[in-house]
Amino acid sequence: MGEVVTLSTLALALGMDAFSASLGIGMAPIRLKRIFYIGIIIGSFHIILPLLGIIAGRFVTDTFGTIASLIGGLLLIIAGTQMIVAFFQQKEEERSVPFGWRLMVFSLIVSLDSFSVGLTLGIYGAEILLVLLLFGGIAAGLTWSGLLVGRKAGSWLGAYSEAFGGCILLAFGFKLLFL
């Protein structure tokens, strides 16, 4: 049960990037069919990248042993710090709905931090199927939520949710390093 709560919290923190970016996209005219498709693509990237990270993390653990734990904690701290820095560097950008290769690039960008978290989880031997289902499902759900809320609300929610997600990753990183 504890692993489910921890992994769900990590998935929520990682999905905040997708949520905040989707809020901005949702402010552009967008159809429900496109909203569904974007959520599926982003959810898929939140499955593929952590899987690659877990595989790399298991390799790092086998190769470097105990130091791998420190690397895992540092990676979470770096990912969290990047999200918080992005909050302070926000600038107004043009709102458009990504299609084709732009959707793939967008999905990769909002999913990149899930690779480093996957690396950390691989180092610690987390349950792979549980990680992938939670990360993909929560990312897709937060993407859909962000797109739908973006249709109704203003852009102020996006920046704060990204900063919140960064704080969660920082907390987990410090926990891994010092507890």
N, C-alpha and C. Protein backbone atom coordinates (compact mmCIF):
# COMPACT_ATOMS: atom_id res chain seq x y z
N MET A 1 0.82 -1.21 0.00
CA MET A 1 0.00 0.00 0.00
C MET A 1 0.86 1.26 0.00
N GLY A 2 1.95 1.23 0.78
CA GLY A 2 2.84 2.38 0.85
C GLY A 2 3.48 2.70 -0.48
N GLU A 3 3.83 1.64 -1.24
CA GLU A 3 4.45 1.85 -2.55
C GLU A 3 3.45 2.49 -3.51
N VAL A 4 2.18 2.10 -3.43
CA VAL A 4 1.15 2.67 -4.31
C VAL A 4 1.00 4.16 -4.02
N VAL A 5 0.97 4.53 -2.74
CA VAL A 5 0.82 5.94 -2.37
C VAL A 5 2.04 6.74 -2.84
N THR A 6 3.23 6.21 -2.58
CA THR A 6 4.45 6.90 -2.99
C THR A 6 4.51 7.07 -4.51
N LEU A 7 4.25 5.99 -5.24
CA LEU A 7 4.30 6.06 -6.70
C LEU A 7 3.20 6.95 -7.27
N SER A 8 2.03 6.94 -6.64
CA SER A 8 0.94 7.82 -7.09
C SER A 8 1.32 9.28 -6.89
N THR A 9 1.96 9.57 -5.77
CA THR A 9 2.40 10.94 -5.50
C THR A 9 3.45 11.38 -6.51
N LEU A 10 4.40 10.49 -6.81
CA LEU A 10 5.41 10.81 -7.82
C LEU A 10 4.76 11.01 -9.19
N ALA A 11 3.81 10.14 -9.53
CA ALA A 11 3.11 10.26 -10.82
C ALA A 11 2.36 11.58 -10.89
N LEU A 12 1.75 11.98 -9.79
CA LEU A 12 1.04 13.25 -9.74
C LEU A 12 2.01 14.42 -9.94
N ALA A 13 3.15 14.35 -9.27
CA ALA A 13 4.15 15.42 -9.41
C ALA A 13 4.64 15.51 -10.85
N LEU A 14 4.92 14.36 -11.47
CA LEU A 14 5.39 14.36 -12.86
C LEU A 14 4.31 14.82 -13.82
N GLY A 15 3.07 14.47 -13.53
CA GLY A 15 1.96 14.85 -14.40
C GLY A 15 1.63 16.33 -14.34
N MET A 16 2.15 17.03 -13.33
CA MET A 16 1.88 18.46 -13.21
C MET A 16 2.44 19.25 -14.40
N ASP A 17 3.56 18.80 -14.95
CA ASP A 17 4.10 19.43 -16.16
C ASP A 17 3.08 19.34 -17.29
N ALA A 18 2.55 18.15 -17.48
CA ALA A 18 1.55 17.93 -18.55
C ALA A 18 0.30 18.76 -18.26
N PHE A 19 -0.12 18.79 -17.00
CA PHE A 19 -1.31 19.56 -16.62
C PHE A 19 -1.12 21.04 -16.92
N SER A 20 0.01 21.60 -16.45
CA SER A 20 0.21 23.04 -16.62
C SER A 20 0.36 23.42 -18.09
N ALA A 21 1.07 22.61 -18.87
CA ALA A 21 1.20 22.90 -20.30
C ALA A 21 -0.13 22.73 -21.01
N SER A 22 -0.92 21.76 -20.59
CA SER A 22 -2.22 21.51 -21.21
C SER A 22 -3.22 22.62 -20.92
N LEU A 23 -3.08 23.26 -19.77
CA LEU A 23 -3.95 24.40 -19.47
C LEU A 23 -3.82 25.47 -20.55
N GLY A 24 -2.58 25.76 -20.91
CA GLY A 24 -2.34 26.77 -21.94
C GLY A 24 -2.87 26.35 -23.29
N ILE A 25 -2.66 25.10 -23.64
CA ILE A 25 -3.15 24.60 -24.93
C ILE A 25 -4.68 24.60 -24.95
N GLY A 26 -5.28 24.26 -23.82
CA GLY A 26 -6.74 24.21 -23.74
C GLY A 26 -7.40 25.55 -23.97
N MET A 27 -6.65 26.63 -23.81
CA MET A 27 -7.23 27.96 -24.04
C MET A 27 -7.41 28.25 -25.52
N ALA A 28 -6.74 27.49 -26.37
CA ALA A 28 -6.96 27.61 -27.82
C ALA A 28 -8.19 26.77 -28.17
N PRO A 29 -8.87 27.08 -29.24
CA PRO A 29 -10.02 26.26 -29.63
C PRO A 29 -9.58 24.82 -29.91
N ILE A 30 -10.20 23.88 -29.22
CA ILE A 30 -9.80 22.47 -29.35
C ILE A 30 -11.02 21.57 -29.18
N ARG A 31 -11.10 20.56 -30.02
CA ARG A 31 -12.24 19.62 -29.98
C ARG A 31 -11.97 18.50 -28.97
N LEU A 32 -13.04 17.91 -28.47
CA LEU A 32 -12.91 16.84 -27.49
C LEU A 32 -12.14 15.64 -28.03
N LYS A 33 -12.32 15.33 -29.30
CA LYS A 33 -11.59 14.22 -29.92
C LYS A 33 -10.09 14.47 -29.86
N ARG A 34 -9.66 15.70 -30.12
CA ARG A 34 -8.25 16.07 -30.07
C ARG A 34 -7.74 16.04 -28.63
N ILE A 35 -8.58 16.46 -27.67
CA ILE A 35 -8.21 16.40 -26.26
C ILE A 35 -7.91 14.96 -25.86
N PHE A 36 -8.79 14.04 -26.26
CA PHE A 36 -8.59 12.62 -25.95
C PHE A 36 -7.28 12.12 -26.55
N TYR A 37 -7.03 12.44 -27.80
CA TYR A 37 -5.83 11.99 -28.50
C TYR A 37 -4.56 12.52 -27.83
N ILE A 38 -4.54 13.78 -27.48
CA ILE A 38 -3.37 14.38 -26.84
C ILE A 38 -3.09 13.68 -25.50
N GLY A 39 -4.13 13.42 -24.72
CA GLY A 39 -3.95 12.73 -23.45
C GLY A 39 -3.36 11.34 -23.62
N ILE A 40 -3.81 10.62 -24.64
CA ILE A 40 -3.28 9.28 -24.90
C ILE A 40 -1.80 9.35 -25.28
N ILE A 41 -1.44 10.29 -26.12
CA ILE A 41 -0.03 10.42 -26.54
C ILE A 41 0.85 10.78 -25.35
N ILE A 42 0.45 11.76 -24.56
CA ILE A 42 1.26 12.16 -23.40
C ILE A 42 1.32 11.03 -22.38
N GLY A 43 0.21 10.35 -22.14
CA GLY A 43 0.23 9.20 -21.24
C GLY A 43 1.19 8.12 -21.73
N SER A 44 1.23 7.91 -23.04
CA SER A 44 2.14 6.91 -23.62
C SER A 44 3.60 7.30 -23.39
N PHE A 45 3.91 8.58 -23.55
CA PHE A 45 5.28 9.03 -23.30
C PHE A 45 5.64 8.88 -21.82
N HIS A 46 4.64 9.03 -20.93
CA HIS A 46 4.87 8.85 -19.49
C HIS A 46 4.96 7.37 -19.12
N ILE A 47 4.77 6.50 -20.07
CA ILE A 47 5.03 5.06 -19.88
C ILE A 47 6.39 4.70 -20.47
N ILE A 48 6.65 5.16 -21.68
CA ILE A 48 7.88 4.79 -22.39
C ILE A 48 9.13 5.34 -21.70
N LEU A 49 9.13 6.62 -21.37
CA LEU A 49 10.33 7.23 -20.79
C LEU A 49 10.67 6.67 -19.40
N PRO A 50 9.70 6.49 -18.49
CA PRO A 50 10.06 5.87 -17.22
C PRO A 50 10.56 4.42 -17.40
N LEU A 51 9.98 3.71 -18.37
CA LEU A 51 10.44 2.34 -18.62
C LEU A 51 11.92 2.35 -19.03
N LEU A 52 12.27 3.25 -19.94
CA LEU A 52 13.68 3.37 -20.34
C LEU A 52 14.55 3.76 -19.13
N GLY A 53 14.02 4.65 -18.29
CA GLY A 53 14.75 5.05 -17.09
C GLY A 53 14.92 3.91 -16.11
N ILE A 54 13.88 3.10 -15.93
CA ILE A 54 13.96 1.96 -15.02
C ILE A 54 15.01 0.96 -15.51
N ILE A 55 15.00 0.70 -16.81
CA ILE A 55 15.98 -0.23 -17.38
C ILE A 55 17.40 0.31 -17.14
N ALA A 56 17.60 1.60 -17.40
CA ALA A 56 18.91 2.21 -17.17
C ALA A 56 19.26 2.19 -15.69
N GLY A 57 18.27 2.45 -14.83
CA GLY A 57 18.50 2.45 -13.38
C GLY A 57 18.92 1.10 -12.85
N ARG A 58 18.31 0.05 -13.37
CA ARG A 58 18.70 -1.30 -12.94
C ARG A 58 20.14 -1.60 -13.38
N PHE A 59 20.51 -1.12 -14.57
CA PHE A 59 21.88 -1.29 -15.05
C PHE A 59 22.85 -0.54 -14.14
N VAL A 60 22.50 0.70 -13.80
CA VAL A 60 23.36 1.52 -12.93
C VAL A 60 23.53 0.84 -11.58
N THR A 61 22.45 0.29 -11.02
CA THR A 61 22.52 -0.38 -9.73
C THR A 61 23.44 -1.59 -9.80
N ASP A 62 23.29 -2.38 -10.85
CA ASP A 62 24.13 -3.56 -11.00
C ASP A 62 25.60 -3.17 -11.18
N THR A 63 25.83 -2.05 -11.84
CA THR A 63 27.20 -1.64 -12.15
C THR A 63 27.85 -0.87 -11.00
N PHE A 64 27.11 0.05 -10.38
CA PHE A 64 27.72 0.96 -9.41
C PHE A 64 27.30 0.73 -7.96
N GLY A 65 26.34 -0.14 -7.71
CA GLY A 65 25.96 -0.50 -6.34
C GLY A 65 25.42 0.66 -5.52
N THR A 66 26.01 0.87 -4.34
CA THR A 66 25.48 1.82 -3.35
C THR A 66 25.44 3.26 -3.84
N ILE A 67 26.39 3.67 -4.62
CA ILE A 67 26.40 5.06 -5.10
C ILE A 67 25.18 5.36 -5.95
N ALA A 68 24.57 4.32 -6.50
CA ALA A 68 23.38 4.51 -7.33
C ALA A 68 22.25 5.16 -6.55
N SER A 69 22.14 4.88 -5.25
CA SER A 69 21.10 5.49 -4.41
C SER A 69 21.28 7.00 -4.34
N LEU A 70 22.52 7.43 -4.17
CA LEU A 70 22.79 8.86 -4.13
C LEU A 70 22.47 9.51 -5.47
N ILE A 71 22.82 8.83 -6.55
CA ILE A 71 22.51 9.35 -7.88
C ILE A 71 21.01 9.52 -8.05
N GLY A 72 20.23 8.53 -7.59
CA GLY A 72 18.77 8.59 -7.70
C GLY A 72 18.19 9.78 -6.96
N GLY A 73 18.64 10.02 -5.73
CA GLY A 73 18.16 11.17 -4.97
C GLY A 73 18.53 12.48 -5.63
N LEU A 74 19.76 12.57 -6.13
CA LEU A 74 20.19 13.80 -6.82
C LEU A 74 19.38 14.05 -8.08
N LEU A 75 19.04 13.00 -8.82
CA LEU A 75 18.24 13.17 -10.03
C LEU A 75 16.86 13.74 -9.72
N LEU A 76 16.24 13.27 -8.63
CA LEU A 76 14.93 13.81 -8.24
C LEU A 76 15.05 15.28 -7.84
N ILE A 77 16.11 15.61 -7.12
CA ILE A 77 16.31 17.00 -6.72
C ILE A 77 16.51 17.89 -7.96
N ILE A 78 17.27 17.41 -8.93
CA ILE A 78 17.50 18.17 -10.16
C ILE A 78 16.18 18.36 -10.92
N ALA A 79 15.40 17.28 -11.06
CA ALA A 79 14.13 17.38 -11.78
C ALA A 79 13.18 18.36 -11.08
N GLY A 80 13.10 18.29 -9.75
CA GLY A 80 12.25 19.20 -9.00
C GLY A 80 12.70 20.64 -9.13
N THR A 81 14.01 20.85 -9.05
CA THR A 81 14.55 22.20 -9.19
C THR A 81 14.25 22.78 -10.57
N GLN A 82 14.37 21.96 -11.60
CA GLN A 82 14.07 22.43 -12.96
C GLN A 82 12.62 22.88 -13.08
N MET A 83 11.70 22.13 -12.46
CA MET A 83 10.29 22.52 -12.53
C MET A 83 10.05 23.84 -11.81
N ILE A 84 10.70 24.03 -10.66
CA ILE A 84 10.52 25.26 -9.90
C ILE A 84 11.14 26.45 -10.65
N VAL A 85 12.32 26.25 -11.23
CA VAL A 85 12.97 27.31 -12.01
C VAL A 85 12.09 27.68 -13.20
N ALA A 86 11.50 26.69 -13.85
CA ALA A 86 10.60 26.96 -14.99
C ALA A 86 9.42 27.83 -14.56
N PHE A 87 8.94 27.63 -13.32
CA PHE A 87 7.86 28.45 -12.78
C PHE A 87 8.26 29.92 -12.76
N PHE A 88 9.49 30.21 -12.33
CA PHE A 88 9.94 31.59 -12.22
C PHE A 88 10.34 32.20 -13.56
N GLN A 89 10.58 31.37 -14.55
CA GLN A 89 10.97 31.86 -15.87
C GLN A 89 9.82 31.88 -16.86
N GLN A 90 8.60 31.73 -16.37
CA GLN A 90 7.43 31.70 -17.25
C GLN A 90 7.33 32.99 -18.05
N LYS A 91 7.03 32.83 -19.31
CA LYS A 91 6.73 34.00 -20.14
C LYS A 91 5.49 33.66 -20.96
N GLU A 92 4.81 34.68 -21.34
CA GLU A 92 3.58 34.49 -22.13
C GLU A 92 3.96 33.94 -23.50
N GLU A 93 3.30 32.88 -23.90
CA GLU A 93 3.61 32.28 -25.20
C GLU A 93 2.34 32.11 -26.00
N GLU A 94 2.53 31.95 -27.27
CA GLU A 94 1.39 31.76 -28.17
C GLU A 94 0.72 30.43 -27.86
N ARG A 95 -0.58 30.43 -27.81
CA ARG A 95 -1.35 29.22 -27.54
C ARG A 95 -1.77 28.58 -28.85
N SER A 96 -1.33 27.36 -29.06
CA SER A 96 -1.78 26.62 -30.23
C SER A 96 -1.88 25.15 -29.86
N VAL A 97 -2.65 24.43 -30.60
CA VAL A 97 -2.85 23.01 -30.35
C VAL A 97 -1.81 22.24 -31.17
N PRO A 98 -0.96 21.44 -30.49
CA PRO A 98 0.07 20.71 -31.22
C PRO A 98 -0.51 19.56 -32.05
N PHE A 99 0.01 19.39 -33.25
CA PHE A 99 -0.37 18.30 -34.15
C PHE A 99 0.91 17.62 -34.64
N GLY A 100 0.81 16.38 -35.07
CA GLY A 100 1.91 15.67 -35.71
C GLY A 100 3.19 15.68 -34.91
N TRP A 101 4.27 16.07 -35.56
CA TRP A 101 5.58 16.05 -34.90
C TRP A 101 5.64 17.04 -33.74
N ARG A 102 4.89 18.14 -33.81
CA ARG A 102 4.86 19.09 -32.69
C ARG A 102 4.24 18.46 -31.45
N LEU A 103 3.25 17.60 -31.65
CA LEU A 103 2.65 16.89 -30.51
C LEU A 103 3.67 15.92 -29.91
N MET A 104 4.44 15.26 -30.74
CA MET A 104 5.46 14.33 -30.24
C MET A 104 6.54 15.08 -29.45
N VAL A 105 6.98 16.21 -29.97
CA VAL A 105 7.98 17.01 -29.27
C VAL A 105 7.41 17.54 -27.96
N PHE A 106 6.18 18.05 -28.00
CA PHE A 106 5.51 18.54 -26.80
C PHE A 106 5.41 17.42 -25.76
N SER A 107 5.00 16.23 -26.18
CA SER A 107 4.87 15.09 -25.27
C SER A 107 6.21 14.70 -24.67
N LEU A 108 7.25 14.73 -25.49
CA LEU A 108 8.59 14.41 -25.00
C LEU A 108 9.03 15.43 -23.95
N ILE A 109 8.79 16.70 -24.22
CA ILE A 109 9.22 17.75 -23.30
C ILE A 109 8.53 17.61 -21.94
N VAL A 110 7.21 17.39 -21.93
CA VAL A 110 6.51 17.30 -20.65
C VAL A 110 6.73 15.95 -19.97
N SER A 111 7.38 15.01 -20.67
CA SER A 111 7.62 13.68 -20.10
C SER A 111 9.08 13.43 -19.76
N LEU A 112 9.97 14.32 -20.12
CA LEU A 112 11.41 14.08 -19.93
C LEU A 112 11.78 13.81 -18.48
N ASP A 113 11.21 14.56 -17.55
CA ASP A 113 11.57 14.35 -16.15
C ASP A 113 11.15 12.97 -15.66
N SER A 114 10.19 12.33 -16.32
CA SER A 114 9.80 10.98 -15.91
C SER A 114 10.89 9.96 -16.22
N PHE A 115 11.79 10.28 -17.15
CA PHE A 115 12.93 9.39 -17.41
C PHE A 115 13.84 9.34 -16.19
N SER A 116 14.21 10.53 -15.66
CA SER A 116 15.11 10.55 -14.51
C SER A 116 14.47 9.95 -13.27
N VAL A 117 13.15 10.15 -13.11
CA VAL A 117 12.46 9.52 -11.98
C VAL A 117 12.43 8.00 -12.20
N GLY A 118 12.20 7.57 -13.44
CA GLY A 118 12.26 6.14 -13.75
C GLY A 118 13.63 5.56 -13.45
N LEU A 119 14.68 6.33 -13.74
CA LEU A 119 16.04 5.90 -13.43
C LEU A 119 16.18 5.68 -11.93
N THR A 120 15.68 6.63 -11.14
CA THR A 120 15.71 6.49 -9.69
C THR A 120 14.92 5.27 -9.23
N LEU A 121 13.74 5.08 -9.79
CA LEU A 121 12.91 3.94 -9.39
C LEU A 121 13.55 2.62 -9.81
N GLY A 122 14.27 2.61 -10.92
CA GLY A 122 15.00 1.42 -11.33
C GLY A 122 16.12 1.10 -10.35
N ILE A 123 16.78 2.13 -9.85
CA ILE A 123 17.84 1.96 -8.87
C ILE A 123 17.27 1.34 -7.59
N TYR A 124 16.08 1.77 -7.20
CA TYR A 124 15.47 1.27 -5.97
C TYR A 124 14.62 0.02 -6.17
N GLY A 125 14.50 -0.47 -7.40
CA GLY A 125 13.80 -1.72 -7.66
C GLY A 125 12.29 -1.64 -7.53
N ALA A 126 11.70 -0.55 -7.94
CA ALA A 126 10.24 -0.39 -7.86
C ALA A 126 9.55 -1.39 -8.80
N GLU A 127 8.30 -1.68 -8.50
CA GLU A 127 7.48 -2.59 -9.31
C GLU A 127 7.17 -1.93 -10.66
N ILE A 128 7.72 -2.49 -11.73
CA ILE A 128 7.66 -1.85 -13.05
C ILE A 128 6.24 -1.64 -13.55
N LEU A 129 5.42 -2.67 -13.53
CA LEU A 129 4.06 -2.55 -14.07
C LEU A 129 3.26 -1.49 -13.32
N LEU A 130 3.39 -1.48 -12.01
CA LEU A 130 2.68 -0.49 -11.19
C LEU A 130 3.14 0.93 -11.56
N VAL A 131 4.44 1.12 -11.69
CA VAL A 131 4.99 2.43 -12.06
C VAL A 131 4.41 2.89 -13.39
N LEU A 132 4.47 2.01 -14.39
CA LEU A 132 4.05 2.40 -15.73
C LEU A 132 2.55 2.69 -15.80
N LEU A 133 1.74 1.87 -15.14
CA LEU A 133 0.29 2.12 -15.14
C LEU A 133 -0.06 3.43 -14.44
N LEU A 134 0.55 3.66 -13.29
CA LEU A 134 0.27 4.90 -12.55
C LEU A 134 0.78 6.13 -13.30
N PHE A 135 2.01 6.07 -13.79
CA PHE A 135 2.58 7.23 -14.48
C PHE A 135 1.80 7.55 -15.74
N GLY A 136 1.52 6.54 -16.56
CA GLY A 136 0.78 6.77 -17.80
C GLY A 136 -0.65 7.21 -17.56
N GLY A 137 -1.34 6.53 -16.64
CA GLY A 137 -2.74 6.85 -16.36
C GLY A 137 -2.92 8.23 -15.75
N ILE A 138 -2.08 8.54 -14.77
CA ILE A 138 -2.21 9.85 -14.11
C ILE A 138 -1.80 10.97 -15.06
N ALA A 139 -0.76 10.76 -15.87
CA ALA A 139 -0.36 11.79 -16.84
C ALA A 139 -1.46 12.04 -17.86
N ALA A 140 -2.07 10.98 -18.36
CA ALA A 140 -3.17 11.14 -19.33
C ALA A 140 -4.33 11.87 -18.67
N GLY A 141 -4.69 11.47 -17.45
CA GLY A 141 -5.79 12.11 -16.73
C GLY A 141 -5.53 13.58 -16.46
N LEU A 142 -4.31 13.91 -16.04
CA LEU A 142 -3.98 15.31 -15.79
C LEU A 142 -3.94 16.12 -17.08
N THR A 143 -3.50 15.49 -18.16
CA THR A 143 -3.51 16.18 -19.46
C THR A 143 -4.94 16.51 -19.86
N TRP A 144 -5.82 15.51 -19.77
CA TRP A 144 -7.23 15.75 -20.11
C TRP A 144 -7.82 16.84 -19.22
N SER A 145 -7.51 16.76 -17.92
CA SER A 145 -8.03 17.77 -16.99
C SER A 145 -7.52 19.16 -17.35
N GLY A 146 -6.22 19.26 -17.64
CA GLY A 146 -5.64 20.55 -18.00
C GLY A 146 -6.25 21.13 -19.26
N LEU A 147 -6.45 20.29 -20.27
CA LEU A 147 -7.04 20.77 -21.51
C LEU A 147 -8.48 21.23 -21.29
N LEU A 148 -9.24 20.48 -20.51
CA LEU A 148 -10.64 20.84 -20.26
C LEU A 148 -10.75 22.08 -19.38
N VAL A 149 -9.92 22.15 -18.33
CA VAL A 149 -9.95 23.33 -17.46
C VAL A 149 -9.46 24.55 -18.23
N GLY A 150 -8.46 24.35 -19.10
CA GLY A 150 -7.94 25.45 -19.91
C GLY A 150 -9.00 26.07 -20.79
N ARG A 151 -9.96 25.26 -21.20
CA ARG A 151 -11.06 25.80 -22.01
C ARG A 151 -11.92 26.75 -21.20
N LYS A 152 -11.94 26.57 -19.89
CA LYS A 152 -12.82 27.35 -19.01
C LYS A 152 -12.09 28.40 -18.18
N ALA A 153 -10.88 28.07 -17.72
CA ALA A 153 -10.20 28.93 -16.75
C ALA A 153 -9.07 29.72 -17.39
N GLY A 154 -8.48 30.59 -16.63
CA GLY A 154 -7.35 31.37 -17.10
C GLY A 154 -6.05 30.59 -16.99
N SER A 155 -4.96 31.24 -17.31
CA SER A 155 -3.66 30.56 -17.36
C SER A 155 -2.93 30.53 -16.01
N TRP A 156 -3.42 31.19 -14.99
CA TRP A 156 -2.67 31.29 -13.75
C TRP A 156 -2.46 29.95 -13.06
N LEU A 157 -3.36 28.98 -13.25
CA LEU A 157 -3.21 27.67 -12.61
C LEU A 157 -1.97 26.94 -13.08
N GLY A 158 -1.61 27.08 -14.33
CA GLY A 158 -0.52 26.31 -14.92
C GLY A 158 0.81 26.48 -14.21
N ALA A 159 1.21 27.69 -13.99
CA ALA A 159 2.51 27.95 -13.39
C ALA A 159 2.57 27.40 -11.96
N TYR A 160 1.51 27.60 -11.20
CA TYR A 160 1.52 27.14 -9.82
C TYR A 160 1.54 25.62 -9.72
N SER A 161 0.85 24.93 -10.62
CA SER A 161 0.85 23.46 -10.55
C SER A 161 2.23 22.91 -10.89
N GLU A 162 2.95 23.56 -11.80
CA GLU A 162 4.30 23.11 -12.13
C GLU A 162 5.23 23.30 -10.94
N ALA A 163 5.14 24.43 -10.26
CA ALA A 163 5.96 24.67 -9.08
C ALA A 163 5.64 23.67 -7.98
N PHE A 164 4.36 23.36 -7.79
CA PHE A 164 3.94 22.38 -6.79
C PHE A 164 4.54 21.01 -7.10
N GLY A 165 4.48 20.60 -8.35
CA GLY A 165 5.07 19.32 -8.76
C GLY A 165 6.57 19.30 -8.49
N GLY A 166 7.25 20.41 -8.76
CA GLY A 166 8.68 20.49 -8.49
C GLY A 166 9.00 20.34 -7.01
N CYS A 167 8.17 20.92 -6.16
CA CYS A 167 8.37 20.80 -4.71
C CYS A 167 8.23 19.35 -4.25
N ILE A 168 7.28 18.63 -4.83
CA ILE A 168 7.09 17.22 -4.48
C ILE A 168 8.33 16.41 -4.87
N LEU A 169 8.85 16.64 -6.07
CA LEU A 169 10.05 15.91 -6.51
C LEU A 169 11.25 16.25 -5.63
N LEU A 170 11.39 17.52 -5.25
CA LEU A 170 12.47 17.91 -4.34
C LEU A 170 12.37 17.17 -3.02
N ALA A 171 11.17 17.12 -2.46
CA ALA A 171 10.97 16.45 -1.18
C ALA A 171 11.36 14.97 -1.26
N PHE A 172 10.95 14.29 -2.32
CA PHE A 172 11.32 12.88 -2.48
C PHE A 172 12.83 12.73 -2.66
N GLY A 173 13.44 13.64 -3.40
CA GLY A 173 14.89 13.58 -3.60
C GLY A 173 15.64 13.72 -2.29
N PHE A 174 15.25 14.69 -1.46
CA PHE A 174 15.89 14.87 -0.16
C PHE A 174 15.63 13.67 0.75
N LYS A 175 14.44 13.11 0.66
CA LYS A 175 14.12 11.92 1.46
C LYS A 175 15.06 10.77 1.09
N LEU A 176 15.28 10.56 -0.20
CA LEU A 176 16.17 9.48 -0.63
C LEU A 176 17.61 9.73 -0.20
N LEU A 177 18.03 10.98 -0.19
CA LEU A 177 19.42 11.29 0.18
C LEU A 177 19.67 11.21 1.68
N PHE A 178 18.71 11.65 2.48
CA PHE A 178 18.99 11.84 3.90
C PHE A 178 18.24 10.91 4.84
N LEU A 179 17.30 10.12 4.36
CA LEU A 179 16.57 9.22 5.27
C LEU A 179 16.84 7.78 4.97
